[in-house]
Amino acid sequence: VGIATAWTNLHYLYRAKPGVLDWLKEHIKALVGAGISVY
């Protein structure tokens, strides 16, 4: 889970042309992921 998180985060941060709403998808992924961790 940690490896996949770091890899997908870096992929978004450095990909050539992110989609127009990819920031929102990443926001959802990250904060729901944080919610998973607390539960």
Full PDB file with SEQRES, HELIX, SHEET, SSBOND, CRYST1, ORIGX, SCALE, CONECT and MASTER records, all heavy atoms in Angstrom:
SEQRES   1 A   39  VAL GLY ILE ALA THR ALA TRP THR ASN LEU HIS TYR LEU          
SEQRES   2 A   39  TYR ARG ALA LYS PRO GLY VAL LEU ASP TRP LEU LYS GLU          
SEQRES   3 A   39  HIS ILE LYS ALA LEU VAL GLY ALA GLY ILE SER VAL TYR          
HELIX    1 AA1 GLY A    2  TYR A   14  1                                  13    
HELIX    2 AA2 ASP A   22  VAL A   38  1                                  17    
CRYST1    1.000    1.000    1.000  90.00  90.00  90.00 P 1           1          
ORIGX1      1.000000  0.000000  0.000000        0.00000                         
ORIGX2      0.000000  1.000000  0.000000        0.00000                         
ORIGX3      0.000000  0.000000  1.000000        0.00000                         
SCALE1      1.000000  0.000000  0.000000        0.00000                         
SCALE2      0.000000  1.000000  0.000000        0.00000                         
SCALE3      0.000000  0.000000  1.000000        0.00000                         
ATOM      1  N   VAL A   1       0.847  -1.196   0.000  1.00  0.00           N  
ATOM      2  CA  VAL A   1       0.000   0.000   0.000  1.00  0.00           C  
ATOM      3  C   VAL A   1       0.884   1.247   0.000  1.00  0.00           C  
ATOM      4  O   VAL A   1       0.636   2.200  -0.740  1.00  0.00           O  
ATOM      5  CB  VAL A   1      -0.939   0.007   1.225  1.00  0.00           C  
ATOM      6  CG1 VAL A   1      -1.770   1.294   1.242  1.00  0.00           C  
ATOM      7  CG2 VAL A   1      -1.845  -1.217   1.212  1.00  0.00           C  
ATOM      8  N   GLY A   2       1.922   1.246   0.824  1.00  0.00           N  
ATOM      9  CA  GLY A   2       2.837   2.383   0.874  1.00  0.00           C  
ATOM     10  C   GLY A   2       3.605   2.560  -0.423  1.00  0.00           C  
ATOM     11  O   GLY A   2       3.777   3.683  -0.908  1.00  0.00           O  
ATOM     12  N   ILE A   3       4.072   1.449  -0.995  1.00  0.00           N  
ATOM     13  CA  ILE A   3       4.807   1.514  -2.257  1.00  0.00           C  
ATOM     14  C   ILE A   3       3.906   2.058  -3.365  1.00  0.00           C  
ATOM     15  O   ILE A   3       4.308   2.942  -4.133  1.00  0.00           O  
ATOM     16  CB  ILE A   3       5.347   0.122  -2.633  1.00  0.00           C  
ATOM     17  CG1 ILE A   3       6.416  -0.317  -1.616  1.00  0.00           C  
ATOM     18  CG2 ILE A   3       5.921   0.121  -4.044  1.00  0.00           C  
ATOM     19  CD1 ILE A   3       6.839  -1.770  -1.754  1.00  0.00           C  
ATOM     20  N   ALA A   4       2.671   1.554  -3.431  1.00  0.00           N  
ATOM     21  CA  ALA A   4       1.732   2.012  -4.459  1.00  0.00           C  
ATOM     22  C   ALA A   4       1.388   3.484  -4.272  1.00  0.00           C  
ATOM     23  O   ALA A   4       1.266   4.231  -5.256  1.00  0.00           O  
ATOM     24  CB  ALA A   4       0.456   1.173  -4.410  1.00  0.00           C  
ATOM     25  N   THR A   5       1.254   3.916  -3.026  1.00  0.00           N  
ATOM     26  CA  THR A   5       0.929   5.315  -2.757  1.00  0.00           C  
ATOM     27  C   THR A   5       2.040   6.238  -3.225  1.00  0.00           C  
ATOM     28  O   THR A   5       1.804   7.220  -3.937  1.00  0.00           O  
ATOM     29  CB  THR A   5       0.676   5.526  -1.250  1.00  0.00           C  
ATOM     30  OG1 THR A   5      -0.472   4.762  -0.853  1.00  0.00           O  
ATOM     31  CG2 THR A   5       0.436   7.000  -0.932  1.00  0.00           C  
ATOM     32  N   ALA A   6       3.275   5.936  -2.825  1.00  0.00           N  
ATOM     33  CA  ALA A   6       4.406   6.777  -3.233  1.00  0.00           C  
ATOM     34  C   ALA A   6       4.557   6.792  -4.749  1.00  0.00           C  
ATOM     35  O   ALA A   6       4.797   7.853  -5.350  1.00  0.00           O  
ATOM     36  CB  ALA A   6       5.695   6.277  -2.575  1.00  0.00           C  
ATOM     37  N   TRP A   7       4.395   5.634  -5.389  1.00  0.00           N  
ATOM     38  CA  TRP A   7       4.568   5.553  -6.841  1.00  0.00           C  
ATOM     39  C   TRP A   7       3.496   6.355  -7.568  1.00  0.00           C  
ATOM     40  O   TRP A   7       3.800   7.130  -8.489  1.00  0.00           O  
ATOM     41  CB  TRP A   7       4.528   4.102  -7.301  1.00  0.00           C  
ATOM     42  CG  TRP A   7       4.831   3.969  -8.768  1.00  0.00           C  
ATOM     43  CD1 TRP A   7       6.058   3.867  -9.361  1.00  0.00           C  
ATOM     44  CD2 TRP A   7       3.878   3.961  -9.833  1.00  0.00           C  
ATOM     45  NE1 TRP A   7       5.930   3.800 -10.726  1.00  0.00           N  
ATOM     46  CE2 TRP A   7       4.609   3.857 -11.047  1.00  0.00           C  
ATOM     47  CE3 TRP A   7       2.484   4.026  -9.881  1.00  0.00           C  
ATOM     48  CZ2 TRP A   7       3.975   3.806 -12.278  1.00  0.00           C  
ATOM     49  CZ3 TRP A   7       1.856   3.990 -11.124  1.00  0.00           C  
ATOM     50  CH2 TRP A   7       2.608   3.888 -12.299  1.00  0.00           C  
ATOM     51  N   THR A   8       2.217   6.194  -7.177  1.00  0.00           N  
ATOM     52  CA  THR A   8       1.138   6.915  -7.865  1.00  0.00           C  
ATOM     53  C   THR A   8       1.216   8.416  -7.600  1.00  0.00           C  
ATOM     54  O   THR A   8       0.917   9.221  -8.476  1.00  0.00           O  
ATOM     55  CB  THR A   8      -0.239   6.376  -7.455  1.00  0.00           C  
ATOM     56  OG1 THR A   8      -0.381   6.443  -6.021  1.00  0.00           O  
ATOM     57  CG2 THR A   8      -0.412   4.928  -7.910  1.00  0.00           C  
ATOM     58  N   ASN A   9       1.632   8.801  -6.388  1.00  0.00           N  
ATOM     59  CA  ASN A   9       1.805  10.231  -6.094  1.00  0.00           C  
ATOM     60  C   ASN A   9       2.865  10.844  -7.003  1.00  0.00           C  
ATOM     61  O   ASN A   9       2.675  11.913  -7.599  1.00  0.00           O  
ATOM     62  CB  ASN A   9       2.192  10.438  -4.633  1.00  0.00           C  
ATOM     63  CG  ASN A   9       1.056  10.149  -3.674  1.00  0.00           C  
ATOM     64  OD1 ASN A   9      -0.066   9.860  -4.085  1.00  0.00           O  
ATOM     65  ND2 ASN A   9       1.343  10.209  -2.387  1.00  0.00           N  
ATOM     66  N   LEU A  10       4.014  10.176  -7.094  1.00  0.00           N  
ATOM     67  CA  LEU A  10       5.100  10.687  -7.930  1.00  0.00           C  
ATOM     68  C   LEU A  10       4.730  10.665  -9.403  1.00  0.00           C  
ATOM     69  O   LEU A  10       5.129  11.549 -10.168  1.00  0.00           O  
ATOM     70  CB  LEU A  10       6.373   9.860  -7.682  1.00  0.00           C  
ATOM     71  CG  LEU A  10       7.041  10.086  -6.321  1.00  0.00           C  
ATOM     72  CD1 LEU A  10       8.118   9.035  -6.082  1.00  0.00           C  
ATOM     73  CD2 LEU A  10       7.642  11.486  -6.237  1.00  0.00           C  
ATOM     74  N   HIS A  11       3.967   9.660  -9.797  1.00  0.00           N  
ATOM     75  CA  HIS A  11       3.524   9.591 -11.200  1.00  0.00           C  
ATOM     76  C   HIS A  11       2.686  10.820 -11.549  1.00  0.00           C  
ATOM     77  O   HIS A  11       2.867  11.423 -12.623  1.00  0.00           O  
ATOM     78  CB  HIS A  11       2.707   8.320 -11.420  1.00  0.00           C  
ATOM     79  CG  HIS A  11       2.135   8.201 -12.802  1.00  0.00           C  
ATOM     80  ND1 HIS A  11       2.911   7.996 -13.911  1.00  0.00           N  
ATOM     81  CD2 HIS A  11       0.850   8.275 -13.247  1.00  0.00           C  
ATOM     82  CE1 HIS A  11       2.146   7.938 -14.983  1.00  0.00           C  
ATOM     83  NE2 HIS A  11       0.890   8.120 -14.614  1.00  0.00           N  
ATOM     84  N   TYR A  12       1.771  11.202 -10.655  1.00  0.00           N  
ATOM     85  CA  TYR A  12       0.960  12.394 -10.912  1.00  0.00           C  
ATOM     86  C   TYR A  12       1.817  13.652 -10.897  1.00  0.00           C  
ATOM     87  O   TYR A  12       1.664  14.537 -11.741  1.00  0.00           O  
ATOM     88  CB  TYR A  12      -0.146  12.517  -9.871  1.00  0.00           C  
ATOM     89  CG  TYR A  12      -0.845  13.861  -9.923  1.00  0.00           C  
ATOM     90  CD1 TYR A  12      -1.671  14.198 -10.984  1.00  0.00           C  
ATOM     91  CD2 TYR A  12      -0.642  14.806  -8.914  1.00  0.00           C  
ATOM     92  CE1 TYR A  12      -2.297  15.440 -11.049  1.00  0.00           C  
ATOM     93  CE2 TYR A  12      -1.252  16.055  -8.969  1.00  0.00           C  
ATOM     94  CZ  TYR A  12      -2.079  16.362 -10.041  1.00  0.00           C  
ATOM     95  OH  TYR A  12      -2.677  17.588 -10.106  1.00  0.00           O  
ATOM     96  N   LEU A  13       2.730  13.732  -9.928  1.00  0.00           N  
ATOM     97  CA  LEU A  13       3.539  14.937  -9.789  1.00  0.00           C  
ATOM     98  C   LEU A  13       4.446  15.189 -10.987  1.00  0.00           C  
ATOM     99  O   LEU A  13       4.783  16.339 -11.289  1.00  0.00           O  
ATOM    100  CB  LEU A  13       4.384  14.848  -8.507  1.00  0.00           C  
ATOM    101  CG  LEU A  13       3.617  14.935  -7.186  1.00  0.00           C  
ATOM    102  CD1 LEU A  13       4.540  14.639  -6.014  1.00  0.00           C  
ATOM    103  CD2 LEU A  13       2.967  16.300  -7.023  1.00  0.00           C  
ATOM    104  N   TYR A  14       4.834  14.116 -11.695  1.00  0.00           N  
ATOM    105  CA  TYR A  14       5.811  14.280 -12.776  1.00  0.00           C  
ATOM    106  C   TYR A  14       5.307  13.835 -14.148  1.00  0.00           C  
ATOM    107  O   TYR A  14       6.065  13.930 -15.116  1.00  0.00           O  
ATOM    108  CB  TYR A  14       7.090  13.512 -12.437  1.00  0.00           C  
ATOM    109  CG  TYR A  14       7.913  14.217 -11.384  1.00  0.00           C  
ATOM    110  CD1 TYR A  14       7.873  13.820 -10.050  1.00  0.00           C  
ATOM    111  CD2 TYR A  14       8.724  15.304 -11.708  1.00  0.00           C  
ATOM    112  CE1 TYR A  14       8.620  14.472  -9.075  1.00  0.00           C  
ATOM    113  CE2 TYR A  14       9.472  15.960 -10.742  1.00  0.00           C  
ATOM    114  CZ  TYR A  14       9.417  15.541  -9.428  1.00  0.00           C  
ATOM    115  OH  TYR A  14      10.149  16.193  -8.466  1.00  0.00           O  
ATOM    116  N   ARG A  15       4.066  13.395 -14.260  1.00  0.00           N  
ATOM    117  CA  ARG A  15       3.581  12.979 -15.576  1.00  0.00           C  
ATOM    118  C   ARG A  15       3.536  14.183 -16.509  1.00  0.00           C  
ATOM    119  O   ARG A  15       3.337  15.322 -16.076  1.00  0.00           O  
ATOM    120  CB  ARG A  15       2.217  12.308 -15.476  1.00  0.00           C  
ATOM    121  CG  ARG A  15       1.103  13.203 -14.993  1.00  0.00           C  
ATOM    122  CD  ARG A  15      -0.212  12.463 -14.862  1.00  0.00           C  
ATOM    123  NE  ARG A  15      -0.681  11.987 -16.156  1.00  0.00           N  
ATOM    124  CZ  ARG A  15      -1.865  11.402 -16.315  1.00  0.00           C  
ATOM    125  NH1 ARG A  15      -2.666  11.197 -15.276  1.00  0.00           N  
ATOM    126  NH2 ARG A  15      -2.248  11.015 -17.518  1.00  0.00           N  
ATOM    127  N   ALA A  16       3.680  13.924 -17.784  1.00  0.00           N  
ATOM    128  CA  ALA A  16       3.824  15.013 -18.759  1.00  0.00           C  
ATOM    129  C   ALA A  16       2.581  15.890 -18.858  1.00  0.00           C  
ATOM    130  O   ALA A  16       2.656  17.118 -18.770  1.00  0.00           O  
ATOM    131  CB  ALA A  16       4.164  14.423 -20.124  1.00  0.00           C  
ATOM    132  N   LYS A  17       1.423  15.281 -19.023  1.00  0.00           N  
ATOM    133  CA  LYS A  17       0.202  16.061 -19.224  1.00  0.00           C  
ATOM    134  C   LYS A  17      -0.929  15.498 -18.364  1.00  0.00           C  
ATOM    135  O   LYS A  17      -1.700  14.653 -18.816  1.00  0.00           O  
ATOM    136  CB  LYS A  17      -0.206  16.039 -20.698  1.00  0.00           C  
ATOM    137  CG  LYS A  17       0.765  16.757 -21.618  1.00  0.00           C  
ATOM    138  CD  LYS A  17       0.264  16.724 -23.055  1.00  0.00           C  
ATOM    139  CE  LYS A  17       1.226  17.461 -23.980  1.00  0.00           C  
ATOM    140  NZ  LYS A  17       0.760  17.435 -25.394  1.00  0.00           N  
ATOM    141  N   PRO A  18      -1.041  15.962 -17.111  1.00  0.00           N  
ATOM    142  CA  PRO A  18      -2.139  15.480 -16.271  1.00  0.00           C  
ATOM    143  C   PRO A  18      -3.481  15.941 -16.814  1.00  0.00           C  
ATOM    144  O   PRO A  18      -3.585  16.988 -17.468  1.00  0.00           O  
ATOM    145  CB  PRO A  18      -1.846  16.120 -14.906  1.00  0.00           C  
ATOM    146  CG  PRO A  18      -1.018  17.316 -15.228  1.00  0.00           C  
ATOM    147  CD  PRO A  18      -0.193  16.942 -16.424  1.00  0.00           C  
ATOM    148  N   GLY A  19      -4.510  15.143 -16.562  1.00  0.00           N  
ATOM    149  CA  GLY A  19      -5.852  15.496 -16.990  1.00  0.00           C  
ATOM    150  C   GLY A  19      -6.366  16.715 -16.240  1.00  0.00           C  
ATOM    151  O   GLY A  19      -5.860  17.080 -15.177  1.00  0.00           O  
ATOM    152  N   VAL A  20      -7.395  17.338 -16.795  1.00  0.00           N  
ATOM    153  CA  VAL A  20      -7.880  18.596 -16.252  1.00  0.00           C  
ATOM    154  C   VAL A  20      -8.416  18.463 -14.828  1.00  0.00           C  
ATOM    155  O   VAL A  20      -8.328  19.402 -14.037  1.00  0.00           O  
ATOM    156  CB  VAL A  20      -8.966  19.190 -17.195  1.00  0.00           C  
ATOM    157  CG1 VAL A  20     -10.236  18.327 -17.187  1.00  0.00           C  
ATOM    158  CG2 VAL A  20      -9.294  20.622 -16.816  1.00  0.00           C  
ATOM    159  N   LEU A  21      -8.950  17.296 -14.479  1.00  0.00           N  
ATOM    160  CA  LEU A  21      -9.461  17.079 -13.119  1.00  0.00           C  
ATOM    161  C   LEU A  21      -8.688  15.993 -12.376  1.00  0.00           C  
ATOM    162  O   LEU A  21      -9.189  15.448 -11.392  1.00  0.00           O  
ATOM    163  CB  LEU A  21     -10.957  16.726 -13.157  1.00  0.00           C  
ATOM    164  CG  LEU A  21     -11.910  17.884 -13.459  1.00  0.00           C  
ATOM    165  CD1 LEU A  21     -13.360  17.408 -13.406  1.00  0.00           C  
ATOM    166  CD2 LEU A  21     -11.705  19.042 -12.484  1.00  0.00           C  
ATOM    167  N   ASP A  22      -7.480  15.711 -12.832  1.00  0.00           N  
ATOM    168  CA  ASP A  22      -6.675  14.708 -12.127  1.00  0.00           C  
ATOM    169  C   ASP A  22      -6.347  15.151 -10.706  1.00  0.00           C  
ATOM    170  O   ASP A  22      -6.188  14.319  -9.806  1.00  0.00           O  
ATOM    171  CB  ASP A  22      -5.379  14.426 -12.890  1.00  0.00           C  
ATOM    172  CG  ASP A  22      -5.610  13.449 -14.042  1.00  0.00           C  
ATOM    173  OD1 ASP A  22      -6.767  13.031 -14.240  1.00  0.00           O  
ATOM    174  OD2 ASP A  22      -4.632  13.120 -14.735  1.00  0.00           O  
ATOM    175  N   TRP A  23      -6.232  16.468 -10.491  1.00  0.00           N  
ATOM    176  CA  TRP A  23      -5.962  16.960  -9.128  1.00  0.00           C  
ATOM    177  C   TRP A  23      -7.077  16.544  -8.173  1.00  0.00           C  
ATOM    178  O   TRP A  23      -6.815  16.220  -7.000  1.00  0.00           O  
ATOM    179  CB  TRP A  23      -5.830  18.491  -9.129  1.00  0.00           C  
ATOM    180  CG  TRP A  23      -7.099  19.221  -9.483  1.00  0.00           C  
ATOM    181  CD1 TRP A  23      -7.485  19.654 -10.717  1.00  0.00           C  
ATOM    182  CD2 TRP A  23      -8.153  19.593  -8.580  1.00  0.00           C  
ATOM    183  NE1 TRP A  23      -8.715  20.272 -10.651  1.00  0.00           N  
ATOM    184  CE2 TRP A  23      -9.150  20.253  -9.356  1.00  0.00           C  
ATOM    185  CE3 TRP A  23      -8.342  19.435  -7.208  1.00  0.00           C  
ATOM    186  CZ2 TRP A  23     -10.334  20.745  -8.789  1.00  0.00           C  
ATOM    187  CZ3 TRP A  23      -9.527  19.928  -6.645  1.00  0.00           C  
ATOM    188  CH2 TRP A  23     -10.501  20.568  -7.437  1.00  0.00           C  
ATOM    189  N   LEU A  24      -8.323  16.535  -8.673  1.00  0.00           N  
ATOM    190  CA  LEU A  24      -9.452  16.156  -7.835  1.00  0.00           C  
ATOM    191  C   LEU A  24      -9.441  14.659  -7.554  1.00  0.00           C  
ATOM    192  O   LEU A  24      -9.727  14.223  -6.429  1.00  0.00           O  
ATOM    193  CB  LEU A  24     -10.758  16.564  -8.522  1.00  0.00           C  
ATOM    194  CG  LEU A  24     -12.058  16.269  -7.758  1.00  0.00           C  
ATOM    195  CD1 LEU A  24     -12.011  16.878  -6.355  1.00  0.00           C  
ATOM    196  CD2 LEU A  24     -13.257  16.783  -8.542  1.00  0.00           C  
ATOM    197  N   LYS A  25      -9.088  13.877  -8.562  1.00  0.00           N  
ATOM    198  CA  LYS A  25      -8.992  12.431  -8.358  1.00  0.00           C  
ATOM    199  C   LYS A  25      -7.894  12.096  -7.348  1.00  0.00           C  
ATOM    200  O   LYS A  25      -8.051  11.192  -6.515  1.00  0.00           O  
ATOM    201  CB  LYS A  25      -8.723  11.726  -9.684  1.00  0.00           C  
ATOM    202  CG  LYS A  25      -9.876  11.820 -10.683  1.00  0.00           C  
ATOM    203  CD  LYS A  25      -9.530  11.103 -11.976  1.00  0.00           C  
ATOM    204  CE  LYS A  25     -10.653  11.194 -12.988  1.00  0.00           C  
ATOM    205  NZ  LYS A  25     -10.335  10.503 -14.250  1.00  0.00           N  
ATOM    206  N   GLU A  26      -6.773  12.810  -7.427  1.00  0.00           N  
ATOM    207  CA  GLU A  26      -5.688  12.582  -6.472  1.00  0.00           C  
ATOM    208  C   GLU A  26      -6.106  13.009  -5.059  1.00  0.00           C  
ATOM    209  O   GLU A  26      -5.755  12.356  -4.079  1.00  0.00           O  
ATOM    210  CB  GLU A  26      -4.444  13.357  -6.912  1.00  0.00           C  
ATOM    211  CG  GLU A  26      -3.781  12.819  -8.164  1.00  0.00           C  
ATOM    212  CD  GLU A  26      -3.272  11.396  -7.978  1.00  0.00           C  
ATOM    213  OE1 GLU A  26      -2.387  11.182  -7.132  1.00  0.00           O  
ATOM    214  OE2 GLU A  26      -3.770  10.501  -8.683  1.00  0.00           O  
ATOM    215  N   HIS A  27      -6.832  14.113  -4.978  1.00  0.00           N  
ATOM    216  CA  HIS A  27      -7.347  14.583  -3.689  1.00  0.00           C  
ATOM    217  C   HIS A  27      -8.246  13.515  -3.061  1.00  0.00           C  
ATOM    218  O   HIS A  27      -8.129  13.203  -1.868  1.00  0.00           O  
ATOM    219  CB  HIS A  27      -8.118  15.882  -3.906  1.00  0.00           C  
ATOM    220  CG  HIS A  27      -8.861  16.361  -2.699  1.00  0.00           C  
ATOM    221  ND1 HIS A  27      -8.226  16.828  -1.560  1.00  0.00           N  
ATOM    222  CD2 HIS A  27     -10.192  16.450  -2.448  1.00  0.00           C  
ATOM    223  CE1 HIS A  27      -9.132  17.185  -0.674  1.00  0.00           C  
ATOM    224  NE2 HIS A  27     -10.335  16.960  -1.176  1.00  0.00           N  
ATOM    225  N   ILE A  28      -9.135  12.960  -3.867  1.00  0.00           N  
ATOM    226  CA  ILE A  28     -10.033  11.906  -3.377  1.00  0.00           C  
ATOM    227  C   ILE A  28      -9.236  10.691  -2.928  1.00  0.00           C  
ATOM    228  O   ILE A  28      -9.452  10.142  -1.846  1.00  0.00           O  
ATOM    229  CB  ILE A  28     -11.038  11.514  -4.481  1.00  0.00           C  
ATOM    230  CG1 ILE A  28     -12.006  12.663  -4.752  1.00  0.00           C  
ATOM    231  CG2 ILE A  28     -11.796  10.244  -4.097  1.00  0.00           C  
ATOM    232  CD1 ILE A  28     -12.847  12.476  -5.996  1.00  0.00           C  
ATOM    233  N   LYS A  29      -8.312  10.259  -3.779  1.00  0.00           N  
ATOM    234  CA  LYS A  29      -7.496   9.078  -3.460  1.00  0.00           C  
ATOM    235  C   LYS A  29      -6.766   9.253  -2.139  1.00  0.00           C  
ATOM    236  O   LYS A  29      -6.757   8.354  -1.283  1.00  0.00           O  
ATOM    237  CB  LYS A  29      -6.482   8.840  -4.570  1.00  0.00           C  
ATOM    238  CG  LYS A  29      -5.525   7.670  -4.328  1.00  0.00           C  
ATOM    239  CD  LYS A  29      -4.271   7.787  -5.179  1.00  0.00           C  
ATOM    240  CE  LYS A  29      -3.304   8.837  -4.638  1.00  0.00           C  
ATOM    241  NZ  LYS A  29      -2.053   8.910  -5.425  1.00  0.00           N  
ATOM    242  N   ALA A  30      -6.155  10.415  -1.959  1.00  0.00           N  
ATOM    243  CA  ALA A  30      -5.312  10.636  -0.796  1.00  0.00           C  
ATOM    244  C   ALA A  30      -6.119  10.729   0.494  1.00  0.00           C  
ATOM    245  O   ALA A  30      -5.789  10.073   1.493  1.00  0.00           O  
ATOM    246  CB  ALA A  30      -4.481  11.906  -0.983  1.00  0.00           C  
ATOM    247  N   LEU A  31      -7.175  11.534   0.497  1.00  0.00           N  
ATOM    248  CA  LEU A  31      -7.887  11.744   1.754  1.00  0.00           C  
ATOM    249  C   LEU A  31      -8.788  10.568   2.113  1.00  0.00           C  
ATOM    250  O   LEU A  31      -8.955  10.257   3.297  1.00  0.00           O  
ATOM    251  CB  LEU A  31      -8.665  13.058   1.700  1.00  0.00           C  
ATOM    252  CG  LEU A  31      -7.743  14.286   1.652  1.00  0.00           C  
ATOM    253  CD1 LEU A  31      -8.538  15.573   1.775  1.00  0.00           C  
ATOM    254  CD2 LEU A  31      -6.691  14.235   2.757  1.00  0.00           C  
ATOM    255  N   VAL A  32      -9.334   9.882   1.124  1.00  0.00           N  
ATOM    256  CA  VAL A  32     -10.053   8.643   1.449  1.00  0.00           C  
ATOM    257  C   VAL A  32      -9.052   7.595   1.927  1.00  0.00           C  
ATOM    258  O   VAL A  32      -9.332   6.831   2.857  1.00  0.00           O  
ATOM    259  CB  VAL A  32     -10.853   8.126   0.239  1.00  0.00           C  
ATOM    260  CG1 VAL A  32     -11.447   6.745   0.532  1.00  0.00           C  
ATOM    261  CG2 VAL A  32     -11.980   9.098  -0.104  1.00  0.00           C  
ATOM    262  N   GLY A  33      -7.864   7.593   1.323  1.00  0.00           N  
ATOM    263  CA  GLY A  33      -6.816   6.678   1.789  1.00  0.00           C  
ATOM    264  C   GLY A  33      -6.423   6.939   3.228  1.00  0.00           C  
ATOM    265  O   GLY A  33      -6.201   6.001   4.003  1.00  0.00           O  
ATOM    266  N   ALA A  34      -6.344   8.208   3.600  1.00  0.00           N  
ATOM    267  CA  ALA A  34      -6.050   8.547   4.992  1.00  0.00           C  
ATOM    268  C   ALA A  34      -7.175   8.069   5.903  1.00  0.00           C  
ATOM    269  O   ALA A  34      -6.926   7.617   7.022  1.00  0.00           O  
ATOM    270  CB  ALA A  34      -5.854  10.056   5.135  1.00  0.00           C  
ATOM    271  N   GLY A  35      -8.414   8.166   5.402  1.00  0.00           N  
ATOM    272  CA  GLY A  35      -9.547   7.658   6.182  1.00  0.00           C  
ATOM    273  C   GLY A  35      -9.461   6.156   6.377  1.00  0.00           C  
ATOM    274  O   GLY A  35      -9.776   5.633   7.459  1.00  0.00           O  
ATOM    275  N   ILE A  36      -9.013   5.451   5.333  1.00  0.00           N  
ATOM    276  CA  ILE A  36      -8.822   4.001   5.457  1.00  0.00           C  
ATOM    277  C   ILE A  36      -7.840   3.698   6.584  1.00  0.00           C  
ATOM    278  O   ILE A  36      -8.041   2.787   7.387  1.00  0.00           O  
ATOM    279  CB  ILE A  36      -8.277   3.414   4.142  1.00  0.00           C  
ATOM    280  CG1 ILE A  36      -9.295   3.561   3.017  1.00  0.00           C  
ATOM    281  CG2 ILE A  36      -7.906   1.934   4.324  1.00  0.00           C  
ATOM    282  CD1 ILE A  36      -8.747   3.164   1.662  1.00  0.00           C  
ATOM    283  N   SER A  37      -6.770   4.477   6.644  1.00  0.00           N  
ATOM    284  CA  SER A  37      -5.726   4.203   7.633  1.00  0.00           C  
ATOM    285  C   SER A  37      -6.244   4.360   9.052  1.00  0.00           C  
ATOM    286  O   SER A  37      -5.891   3.570   9.933  1.00  0.00           O  
ATOM    287  CB  SER A  37      -4.523   5.113   7.395  1.00  0.00           C  
ATOM    288  OG  SER A  37      -4.822   6.451   7.744  1.00  0.00           O  
ATOM    289  N   VAL A  38      -7.081   5.367   9.296  1.00  0.00           N  
ATOM    290  CA  VAL A  38      -7.553   5.576  10.664  1.00  0.00           C  
ATOM    291  C   VAL A  38      -8.535   4.488  11.076  1.00  0.00           C  
ATOM    292  O   VAL A  38      -8.511   4.005  12.219  1.00  0.00           O  
ATOM    293  CB  VAL A  38      -8.170   6.980  10.835  1.00  0.00           C  
ATOM    294  CG1 VAL A  38      -9.514   7.122  10.154  1.00  0.00           C  
ATOM    295  CG2 VAL A  38      -8.312   7.316  12.324  1.00  0.00           C  
ATOM    296  N   TYR A  39      -9.382   4.043  10.150  1.00  0.00           N  
ATOM    297  CA  TYR A  39     -10.303   2.951  10.494  1.00  0.00           C  
ATOM    298  C   TYR A  39      -9.568   1.622  10.612  1.00  0.00           C  
ATOM    299  O   TYR A  39      -9.943   0.769  11.424  1.00  0.00           O  
ATOM    300  CB  TYR A  39     -11.440   2.877   9.466  1.00  0.00           C  
ATOM    301  CG  TYR A  39     -12.532   3.873   9.769  1.00  0.00           C  
ATOM    302  CD1 TYR A  39     -12.575   5.100   9.122  1.00  0.00           C  
ATOM    303  CD2 TYR A  39     -13.495   3.607  10.739  1.00  0.00           C  
ATOM    304  CE1 TYR A  39     -13.563   6.032   9.422  1.00  0.00           C  
ATOM    305  CE2 TYR A  39     -14.481   4.529  11.046  1.00  0.00           C  
ATOM    306  CZ  TYR A  39     -14.513   5.741  10.385  1.00  0.00           C  
ATOM    307  OH  TYR A  39     -15.485   6.665  10.696  1.00  0.00           O  
TER     308      TYR A  39                                                      
MASTER        0    0    0    2    0    0    0    6  307    1    0    3          
END                                                                             
